[in-house]
Amino acid sequence: MIYIKDYVTIKIIIMKKEIHPKYYKNAIIRCNCGNTIKTGSTRPEMVVEICGACHPFYTGKEKIIDTAGRIEKFKQRLSKQKSAKDKKK
C-alpha cells in the first residue's frame, strides 16, 4: 500500500496483485566468451554477445564483430566515394 500525501487530500493507492512477473534471485547471464554472471532478473537465464569481461571498453583491446560482411561493404562504399571525389577534381 502506498500513501500519497497531497496538500489537500490523502490518497491511498493499493498495488494490484498477480500482475508482476516472477523474479528470479539467481538468474544466470551467459556470454559468448564463456563468462557467467549471477544476478536477479525476471528471466531465469539469458545469453549475451558481449559482457564486461570481453567488451573493448573494459579490456582495452579492439574486437571487431562483423556480421554478414558489414565492414567490407562499408569500406567498398567509402572507397567509391573517395574515387568519385578524385574524378571531380
PDB file of N, CA and C in Angstrom:
ATOM      1  N   MET A   1       0.842  -1.161   0.000  1.00  0.00           N
ATOM      2  CA  MET A   1       0.000   0.000   0.000  1.00  0.00           C
ATOM      3  C   MET A   1       0.897   1.236   0.000  1.00  0.00           C
ATOM      4  N   ILE A   2       0.594   2.197  -0.830  1.00  0.00           N
ATOM      5  CA  ILE A   2       1.371   3.425  -0.928  1.00  0.00           C
ATOM      6  C   ILE A   2       0.468   4.588  -0.546  1.00  0.00           C
ATOM      7  N   TYR A   3       0.967   5.437   0.324  1.00  0.00           N
ATOM      8  CA  TYR A   3       0.232   6.624   0.707  1.00  0.00           C
ATOM      9  C   TYR A   3       0.818   7.826  -0.012  1.00  0.00           C
ATOM     10  N   ILE A   4      -0.021   8.574  -0.700  1.00  0.00           N
ATOM     11  CA  ILE A   4       0.412   9.792  -1.370  1.00  0.00           C
ATOM     12  C   ILE A   4      -0.258  10.956  -0.660  1.00  0.00           C
ATOM     13  N   LYS A   5       0.576  11.841  -0.127  1.00  0.00           N
ATOM     14  CA  LYS A   5       0.035  12.977   0.611  1.00  0.00           C
ATOM     15  C   LYS A   5       0.083  14.206  -0.284  1.00  0.00           C
ATOM     16  N   ASP A   6      -1.054  14.744  -0.542  1.00  0.00           N
ATOM     17  CA  ASP A   6      -1.174  15.961  -1.323  1.00  0.00           C
ATOM     18  C   ASP A   6      -1.473  17.093  -0.339  1.00  0.00           C
ATOM     19  N   TYR A   7      -1.429  18.307  -0.804  1.00  0.00           N
ATOM     20  CA  TYR A   7      -1.710  19.435   0.090  1.00  0.00           C
ATOM     21  C   TYR A   7      -3.152  19.443   0.560  1.00  0.00           C
ATOM     22  N   VAL A   8      -4.052  18.908  -0.243  1.00  0.00           N
ATOM     23  CA  VAL A   8      -5.465  18.961   0.088  1.00  0.00           C
ATOM     24  C   VAL A   8      -5.989  17.607   0.537  1.00  0.00           C
ATOM     25  N   THR A   9      -5.631  16.546  -0.178  1.00  0.00           N
ATOM     26  CA  THR A   9      -6.204  15.242   0.129  1.00  0.00           C
ATOM     27  C   THR A   9      -5.109  14.205   0.331  1.00  0.00           C
ATOM     28  N   ILE A  10      -5.467  13.111   0.930  1.00  0.00           N
ATOM     29  CA  ILE A  10      -4.583  11.963   1.084  1.00  0.00           C
ATOM     30  C   ILE A  10      -5.218  10.814   0.316  1.00  0.00           C
ATOM     31  N   LYS A  11      -4.474  10.271  -0.659  1.00  0.00           N
ATOM     32  CA  LYS A  11      -4.981   9.169  -1.473  1.00  0.00           C
ATOM     33  C   LYS A  11      -4.265   7.886  -1.064  1.00  0.00           C
ATOM     34  N   ILE A  12      -4.974   6.797  -1.037  1.00  0.00           N
ATOM     35  CA  ILE A  12      -4.401   5.500  -0.757  1.00  0.00           C
ATOM     36  C   ILE A  12      -4.449   4.698  -2.057  1.00  0.00           C
ATOM     37  N   ILE A  13      -3.267   4.303  -2.537  1.00  0.00           N
ATOM     38  CA  ILE A  13      -3.192   3.521  -3.762  1.00  0.00           C
ATOM     39  C   ILE A  13      -2.777   2.097  -3.384  1.00  0.00           C
ATOM     40  N   ILE A  14      -3.606   1.157  -3.717  1.00  0.00           N
ATOM     41  CA  ILE A  14      -3.323  -0.239  -3.434  1.00  0.00           C
ATOM     42  C   ILE A  14      -2.776  -0.864  -4.708  1.00  0.00           C
ATOM     43  N   MET A  15      -1.595  -1.490  -4.612  1.00  0.00           N
ATOM     44  CA  MET A  15      -0.970  -2.115  -5.780  1.00  0.00           C
ATOM     45  C   MET A  15      -1.736  -3.383  -6.153  1.00  0.00           C
ATOM     46  N   LYS A  16      -1.883  -3.595  -7.442  1.00  0.00           N
ATOM     47  CA  LYS A  16      -2.593  -4.778  -7.925  1.00  0.00           C
ATOM     48  C   LYS A  16      -1.752  -6.022  -7.696  1.00  0.00           C
ATOM     49  N   LYS A  17      -2.418  -7.098  -7.370  1.00  0.00           N
ATOM     50  CA  LYS A  17      -1.732  -8.361  -7.128  1.00  0.00           C
ATOM     51  C   LYS A  17      -1.731  -9.200  -8.392  1.00  0.00           C
ATOM     52  N   GLU A  18      -0.706 -10.052  -8.524  1.00  0.00           N
ATOM     53  CA  GLU A  18      -0.573 -11.036  -9.592  1.00  0.00           C
ATOM     54  C   GLU A  18      -0.446 -10.430 -10.993  1.00  0.00           C
ATOM     55  N   ILE A  19       0.055  -9.176 -11.108  1.00  0.00           N
ATOM     56  CA  ILE A  19       0.309  -8.615 -12.432  1.00  0.00           C
ATOM     57  C   ILE A  19       1.807  -8.480 -12.694  1.00  0.00           C
ATOM     58  N   HIS A  20       2.606  -8.664 -11.670  1.00  0.00           N
ATOM     59  CA  HIS A  20       4.043  -8.515 -11.809  1.00  0.00           C
ATOM     60  C   HIS A  20       4.681  -9.844 -12.205  1.00  0.00           C
ATOM     61  N   PRO A  21       5.728  -9.811 -13.039  1.00  0.00           N
ATOM     62  CA  PRO A  21       6.381 -11.064 -13.439  1.00  0.00           C
ATOM     63  C   PRO A  21       7.136 -11.688 -12.267  1.00  0.00           C
ATOM     64  N   LYS A  22       7.385 -12.973 -12.372  1.00  0.00           N
ATOM     65  CA  LYS A  22       8.123 -13.683 -11.333  1.00  0.00           C
ATOM     66  C   LYS A  22       9.571 -13.203 -11.331  1.00  0.00           C
ATOM     67  N   TYR A  23      10.133 -12.984 -10.161  1.00  0.00           N
ATOM     68  CA  TYR A  23      11.504 -12.503 -10.008  1.00  0.00           C
ATOM     69  C   TYR A  23      12.400 -13.655  -9.580  1.00  0.00           C
ATOM     70  N   TYR A  24      13.461 -13.878 -10.360  1.00  0.00           N
ATOM     71  CA  TYR A  24      14.416 -14.946 -10.065  1.00  0.00           C
ATOM     72  C   TYR A  24      15.647 -14.318  -9.407  1.00  0.00           C
ATOM     73  N   LYS A  25      15.923 -14.698  -8.176  1.00  0.00           N
ATOM     74  CA  LYS A  25      17.062 -14.123  -7.452  1.00  0.00           C
ATOM     75  C   LYS A  25      18.400 -14.628  -7.975  1.00  0.00           C
ATOM     76  N   ASN A  26      18.432 -15.831  -8.516  1.00  0.00           N
ATOM     77  CA  ASN A  26      19.676 -16.428  -9.001  1.00  0.00           C
ATOM     78  C   ASN A  26      19.634 -16.628 -10.516  1.00  0.00           C
ATOM     79  N   ALA A  27      19.310 -15.587 -11.250  1.00  0.00           N
ATOM     80  CA  ALA A  27      19.296 -15.671 -12.705  1.00  0.00           C
ATOM     81  C   ALA A  27      20.736 -15.733 -13.215  1.00  0.00           C
ATOM     82  N   ILE A  28      20.941 -16.452 -14.304  1.00  0.00           N
ATOM     83  CA  ILE A  28      22.281 -16.640 -14.857  1.00  0.00           C
ATOM     84  C   ILE A  28      22.362 -15.951 -16.221  1.00  0.00           C
ATOM     85  N   ILE A  29      23.395 -15.134 -16.396  1.00  0.00           N
ATOM     86  CA  ILE A  29      23.665 -14.486 -17.674  1.00  0.00           C
ATOM     87  C   ILE A  29      24.916 -15.137 -18.237  1.00  0.00           C
ATOM     88  N   ARG A  30      24.804 -15.700 -19.447  1.00  0.00           N
ATOM     89  CA  ARG A  30      25.932 -16.364 -20.096  1.00  0.00           C
ATOM     90  C   ARG A  30      26.372 -15.518 -21.292  1.00  0.00           C
ATOM     91  N   CYS A  31      27.690 -15.324 -21.400  1.00  0.00           N
ATOM     92  CA  CYS A  31      28.258 -14.569 -22.508  1.00  0.00           C
ATOM     93  C   CYS A  31      28.884 -15.540 -23.504  1.00  0.00           C
ATOM     94  N   ASN A  32      29.021 -15.097 -24.764  1.00  0.00           N
ATOM     95  CA  ASN A  32      29.649 -15.943 -25.779  1.00  0.00           C
ATOM     96  C   ASN A  32      31.119 -16.212 -25.473  1.00  0.00           C
ATOM     97  N   CYS A  33      31.758 -15.345 -24.676  1.00  0.00           N
ATOM     98  CA  CYS A  33      33.167 -15.560 -24.332  1.00  0.00           C
ATOM     99  C   CYS A  33      33.332 -16.646 -23.269  1.00  0.00           C
ATOM    100  N   GLY A  34      32.236 -17.094 -22.656  1.00  0.00           N
ATOM    101  CA  GLY A  34      32.300 -18.143 -21.650  1.00  0.00           C
ATOM    102  C   GLY A  34      32.080 -17.639 -20.227  1.00  0.00           C
ATOM    103  N   ASN A  35      31.988 -16.347 -20.052  1.00  0.00           N
ATOM    104  CA  ASN A  35      31.783 -15.751 -18.738  1.00  0.00           C
ATOM    105  C   ASN A  35      30.335 -15.950 -18.292  1.00  0.00           C
ATOM    106  N   THR A  36      30.135 -16.249 -17.014  1.00  0.00           N
ATOM    107  CA  THR A  36      28.787 -16.366 -16.456  1.00  0.00           C
ATOM    108  C   THR A  36      28.650 -15.398 -15.295  1.00  0.00           C
ATOM    109  N   ILE A  37      27.473 -14.797 -15.191  1.00  0.00           N
ATOM    110  CA  ILE A  37      27.187 -13.818 -14.142  1.00  0.00           C
ATOM    111  C   ILE A  37      25.882 -14.226 -13.477  1.00  0.00           C
ATOM    112  N   LYS A  38      25.850 -14.211 -12.148  1.00  0.00           N
ATOM    113  CA  LYS A  38      24.623 -14.488 -11.408  1.00  0.00           C
ATOM    114  C   LYS A  38      24.069 -13.164 -10.896  1.00  0.00           C
ATOM    115  N   THR A  39      22.784 -12.932 -11.158  1.00  0.00           N
ATOM    116  CA  THR A  39      22.141 -11.695 -10.761  1.00  0.00           C
ATOM    117  C   THR A  39      20.648 -11.944 -10.595  1.00  0.00           C
ATOM    118  N   GLY A  40      19.910 -10.943 -10.250  1.00  0.00           N
ATOM    119  CA  GLY A  40      18.464 -11.041 -10.146  1.00  0.00           C
ATOM    120  C   GLY A  40      17.808 -10.507 -11.401  1.00  0.00           C
ATOM    121  N   SER A  41      16.763 -11.194 -11.868  1.00  0.00           N
ATOM    122  CA  SER A  41      16.095 -10.777 -13.092  1.00  0.00           C
ATOM    123  C   SER A  41      14.713 -11.413 -13.162  1.00  0.00           C
ATOM    124  N   THR A  42      13.932 -10.947 -14.126  1.00  0.00           N
ATOM    125  CA  THR A  42      12.628 -11.560 -14.360  1.00  0.00           C
ATOM    126  C   THR A  42      12.719 -12.724 -15.336  1.00  0.00           C
ATOM    127  N   ARG A  43      13.921 -12.985 -15.854  1.00  0.00           N
ATOM    128  CA  ARG A  43      14.169 -14.144 -16.722  1.00  0.00           C
ATOM    129  C   ARG A  43      15.160 -15.059 -16.011  1.00  0.00           C
ATOM    130  N   PRO A  44      14.943 -16.363 -16.042  1.00  0.00           N
ATOM    131  CA  PRO A  44      15.838 -17.269 -15.312  1.00  0.00           C
ATOM    132  C   PRO A  44      17.223 -17.391 -15.946  1.00  0.00           C
ATOM    133  N   GLU A  45      17.312 -17.247 -17.277  1.00  0.00           N
ATOM    134  CA  GLU A  45      18.599 -17.390 -17.955  1.00  0.00           C
ATOM    135  C   GLU A  45      18.619 -16.510 -19.202  1.00  0.00           C
ATOM    136  N   MET A  46      19.785 -15.864 -19.450  1.00  0.00           N
ATOM    137  CA  MET A  46      19.951 -15.008 -20.619  1.00  0.00           C
ATOM    138  C   MET A  46      21.294 -15.303 -21.274  1.00  0.00           C
ATOM    139  N   VAL A  47      21.373 -15.114 -22.587  1.00  0.00           N
ATOM    140  CA  VAL A  47      22.616 -15.270 -23.335  1.00  0.00           C
ATOM    141  C   VAL A  47      22.895 -13.943 -24.027  1.00  0.00           C
ATOM    142  N   VAL A  48      24.112 -13.395 -23.814  1.00  0.00           N
ATOM    143  CA  VAL A  48      24.501 -12.119 -24.415  1.00  0.00           C
ATOM    144  C   VAL A  48      25.745 -12.313 -25.272  1.00  0.00           C
ATOM    145  N   GLU A  49      25.969 -11.372 -26.201  1.00  0.00           N
ATOM    146  CA  GLU A  49      27.133 -11.463 -27.084  1.00  0.00           C
ATOM    147  C   GLU A  49      28.383 -10.871 -26.440  1.00  0.00           C
ATOM    148  N   ILE A  50      28.221  -9.770 -25.720  1.00  0.00           N
ATOM    149  CA  ILE A  50      29.365  -9.070 -25.126  1.00  0.00           C
ATOM    150  C   ILE A  50      29.055  -8.766 -23.666  1.00  0.00           C
ATOM    151  N   CYS A  51      30.035  -8.999 -22.792  1.00  0.00           N
ATOM    152  CA  CYS A  51      29.873  -8.690 -21.373  1.00  0.00           C
ATOM    153  C   CYS A  51      31.027  -7.787 -20.927  1.00  0.00           C
ATOM    154  N   GLY A  52      31.092  -7.488 -19.663  1.00  0.00           N
ATOM    155  CA  GLY A  52      32.155  -6.645 -19.139  1.00  0.00           C
ATOM    156  C   GLY A  52      33.532  -7.272 -19.213  1.00  0.00           C
ATOM    157  N   ALA A  53      33.594  -8.602 -19.274  1.00  0.00           N
ATOM    158  CA  ALA A  53      34.889  -9.287 -19.339  1.00  0.00           C
ATOM    159  C   ALA A  53      35.494  -9.263 -20.737  1.00  0.00           C
ATOM    160  N   CYS A  54      34.666  -9.096 -21.774  1.00  0.00           N
ATOM    161  CA  CYS A  54      35.190  -9.118 -23.135  1.00  0.00           C
ATOM    162  C   CYS A  54      34.901  -7.841 -23.919  1.00  0.00           C
ATOM    163  N   HIS A  55      34.227  -6.865 -23.318  1.00  0.00           N
ATOM    164  CA  HIS A  55      33.908  -5.618 -24.034  1.00  0.00           C
ATOM    165  C   HIS A  55      35.178  -4.797 -24.243  1.00  0.00           C
ATOM    166  N   PRO A  56      35.383  -4.247 -25.439  1.00  0.00           N
ATOM    167  CA  PRO A  56      36.614  -3.498 -25.733  1.00  0.00           C
ATOM    168  C   PRO A  56      36.833  -2.294 -24.817  1.00  0.00           C
ATOM    169  N   PHE A  57      35.786  -1.680 -24.347  1.00  0.00           N
ATOM    170  CA  PHE A  57      35.933  -0.517 -23.466  1.00  0.00           C
ATOM    171  C   PHE A  57      36.612  -0.906 -22.154  1.00  0.00           C
ATOM    172  N   TYR A  58      36.277  -2.075 -21.622  1.00  0.00           N
ATOM    173  CA  TYR A  58      36.836  -2.512 -20.343  1.00  0.00           C
ATOM    174  C   TYR A  58      38.162  -3.247 -20.501  1.00  0.00           C
ATOM    175  N   THR A  59      38.350  -3.940 -21.605  1.00  0.00           N
ATOM    176  CA  THR A  59      39.580  -4.713 -21.781  1.00  0.00           C
ATOM    177  C   THR A  59      40.698  -3.898 -22.414  1.00  0.00           C
ATOM    178  N   GLY A  60      40.352  -2.853 -23.169  1.00  0.00           N
ATOM    179  CA  GLY A  60      41.363  -2.047 -23.842  1.00  0.00           C
ATOM    180  C   GLY A  60      41.842  -2.673 -25.135  1.00  0.00           C
ATOM    181  N   LYS A  61      41.261  -3.770 -25.546  1.00  0.00           N
ATOM    182  CA  LYS A  61      41.626  -4.453 -26.781  1.00  0.00           C
ATOM    183  C   LYS A  61      40.525  -4.241 -27.809  1.00  0.00           C
ATOM    184  N   GLU A  62      40.937  -4.026 -29.060  1.00  0.00           N
ATOM    185  CA  GLU A  62      39.952  -3.841 -30.118  1.00  0.00           C
ATOM    186  C   GLU A  62      39.400  -5.195 -30.545  1.00  0.00           C
ATOM    187  N   LYS A  63      38.096  -5.266 -30.643  1.00  0.00           N
ATOM    188  CA  LYS A  63      37.439  -6.501 -31.050  1.00  0.00           C
ATOM    189  C   LYS A  63      36.381  -6.132 -32.078  1.00  0.00           C
ATOM    190  N   ILE A  64      36.533  -6.616 -33.275  1.00  0.00           N
ATOM    191  CA  ILE A  64      35.593  -6.293 -34.337  1.00  0.00           C
ATOM    192  C   ILE A  64      34.630  -7.463 -34.500  1.00  0.00           C
ATOM    193  N   ILE A  65      33.377  -7.163 -34.335  1.00  0.00           N
ATOM    194  CA  ILE A  65      32.346  -8.175 -34.513  1.00  0.00           C
ATOM    195  C   ILE A  65      31.671  -7.870 -35.844  1.00  0.00           C
ATOM    196  N   ASP A  66      31.912  -8.688 -36.829  1.00  0.00           N
ATOM    197  CA  ASP A  66      31.389  -8.459 -38.170  1.00  0.00           C
ATOM    198  C   ASP A  66      30.296  -9.471 -38.459  1.00  0.00           C
ATOM    199  N   THR A  67      29.111  -8.959 -38.730  1.00  0.00           N
ATOM    200  CA  THR A  67      28.020  -9.838 -39.087  1.00  0.00           C
ATOM    201  C   THR A  67      27.636  -9.565 -40.524  1.00  0.00           C
ATOM    202  N   ALA A  68      27.696 -10.575 -41.326  1.00  0.00           N
ATOM    203  CA  ALA A  68      27.299 -10.540 -42.740  1.00  0.00           C
ATOM    204  C   ALA A  68      28.124  -9.565 -43.558  1.00  0.00           C
ATOM    205  N   GLY A  69      29.405  -9.404 -43.257  1.00  0.00           N
ATOM    206  CA  GLY A  69      30.301  -8.594 -44.071  1.00  0.00           C
ATOM    207  C   GLY A  69      30.000  -7.108 -44.089  1.00  0.00           C
ATOM    208  N   ARG A  70      29.486  -6.564 -43.017  1.00  0.00           N
ATOM    209  CA  ARG A  70      29.115  -5.146 -42.977  1.00  0.00           C
ATOM    210  C   ARG A  70      30.331  -4.238 -43.102  1.00  0.00           C
ATOM    211  N   ILE A  71      31.428  -4.641 -42.503  1.00  0.00           N
ATOM    212  CA  ILE A  71      32.627  -3.802 -42.553  1.00  0.00           C
ATOM    213  C   ILE A  71      33.158  -3.717 -43.980  1.00  0.00           C
ATOM    214  N   GLU A  72      33.186  -4.844 -44.680  1.00  0.00           N
ATOM    215  CA  GLU A  72      33.659  -4.839 -46.069  1.00  0.00           C
ATOM    216  C   GLU A  72      32.763  -3.984 -46.952  1.00  0.00           C
ATOM    217  N   LYS A  73      31.450  -4.084 -46.759  1.00  0.00           N
ATOM    218  CA  LYS A  73      30.518  -3.277 -47.534  1.00  0.00           C
ATOM    219  C   LYS A  73      30.747  -1.786 -47.289  1.00  0.00           C
ATOM    220  N   PHE A  74      30.977  -1.432 -46.030  1.00  0.00           N
ATOM    221  CA  PHE A  74      31.225  -0.032 -45.700  1.00  0.00           C
ATOM    222  C   PHE A  74      32.519   0.457 -46.352  1.00  0.00           C
ATOM    223  N   LYS A  75      33.565  -0.344 -46.299  1.00  0.00           N
ATOM    224  CA  LYS A  75      34.837   0.047 -46.908  1.00  0.00           C
ATOM    225  C   LYS A  75      34.704   0.200 -48.425  1.00  0.00           C
ATOM    226  N   GLN A  76      33.901  -0.644 -49.070  1.00  0.00           N
ATOM    227  CA  GLN A  76      33.680  -0.526 -50.506  1.00  0.00           C
ATOM    228  C   GLN A  76      32.957   0.780 -50.841  1.00  0.00           C
ATOM    229  N   ARG A  77      31.931   1.112 -50.069  1.00  0.00           N
ATOM    230  CA  ARG A  77      31.216   2.368 -50.308  1.00  0.00           C
ATOM    231  C   ARG A  77      32.123   3.565 -50.085  1.00  0.00           C
ATOM    232  N   LEU A  78      32.948   3.493 -49.055  1.00  0.00           N
ATOM    233  CA  LEU A  78      33.859   4.586 -48.747  1.00  0.00           C
ATOM    234  C   LEU A  78      34.885   4.770 -49.863  1.00  0.00           C
ATOM    235  N   SER A  79      35.406   3.677 -50.402  1.00  0.00           N
ATOM    236  CA  SER A  79      36.380   3.786 -51.488  1.00  0.00           C
ATOM    237  C   SER A  79      35.722   4.331 -52.759  1.00  0.00           C
ATOM    238  N   LYS A  80      34.460   3.972 -53.029  1.00  0.00           N
ATOM    239  CA  LYS A  80      33.738   4.508 -54.178  1.00  0.00           C
ATOM    240  C   LYS A  80      33.540   6.016 -54.043  1.00  0.00           C
ATOM    241  N   GLN A  81      33.216   6.473 -52.843  1.00  0.00           N
ATOM    242  CA  GLN A  81      33.024   7.904 -52.618  1.00  0.00           C
ATOM    243  C   GLN A  81      34.324   8.664 -52.817  1.00  0.00           C
ATOM    244  N   LYS A  82      35.426   8.120 -52.319  1.00  0.00           N
ATOM    245  CA  LYS A  82      36.722   8.773 -52.472  1.00  0.00           C
ATOM    246  C   LYS A  82      37.132   8.837 -53.944  1.00  0.00           C
ATOM    247  N   SER A  83      36.895   7.759 -54.687  1.00  0.00           N
ATOM    248  CA  SER A  83      37.267   7.752 -56.102  1.00  0.00           C
ATOM    249  C   SER A  83      36.397   8.725 -56.896  1.00  0.00           C
ATOM    250  N   ALA A  84      35.129   8.872 -56.524  1.00  0.00           N
ATOM    251  CA  ALA A  84      34.250   9.826 -57.199  1.00  0.00           C
ATOM    252  C   ALA A  84      34.701  11.256 -56.943  1.00  0.00           C
ATOM    253  N   LYS A  85      35.154  11.547 -55.730  1.00  0.00           N
ATOM    254  CA  LYS A  85      35.656  12.895 -55.409  1.00  0.00           C
ATOM    255  C   LYS A  85      36.951  13.188 -56.165  1.00  0.00           C
ATOM    256  N   ASP A  86      37.816  12.174 -56.308  1.00  0.00           N
ATOM    257  CA  ASP A  86      39.062  12.348 -57.038  1.00  0.00           C
ATOM    258  C   ASP A  86      38.811  12.636 -58.521  1.00  0.00           C
ATOM    259  N   LYS A  87      37.794  12.007 -59.106  1.00  0.00           N
ATOM    260  CA  LYS A  87      37.460  12.205 -60.506  1.00  0.00           C
ATOM    261  C   LYS A  87      36.918  13.622 -60.746  1.00  0.00           C
ATOM    262  N   LYS A  88      36.190  14.159 -59.770  1.00  0.00           N
ATOM    263  CA  LYS A  88      35.643  15.503 -59.916  1.00  0.00           C
ATOM    264  C   LYS A  88      36.736  16.554 -59.907  1.00  0.00           C
ATOM    265  N   LYS A  89      37.802  16.315 -59.175  1.00  0.00           N
ATOM    266  CA  LYS A  89      38.909  17.277 -59.081  1.00  0.00           C
ATOM    267  C   LYS A  89      39.725  17.211 -60.302  1.00  0.00           C
TER     268      LYS A  89
END
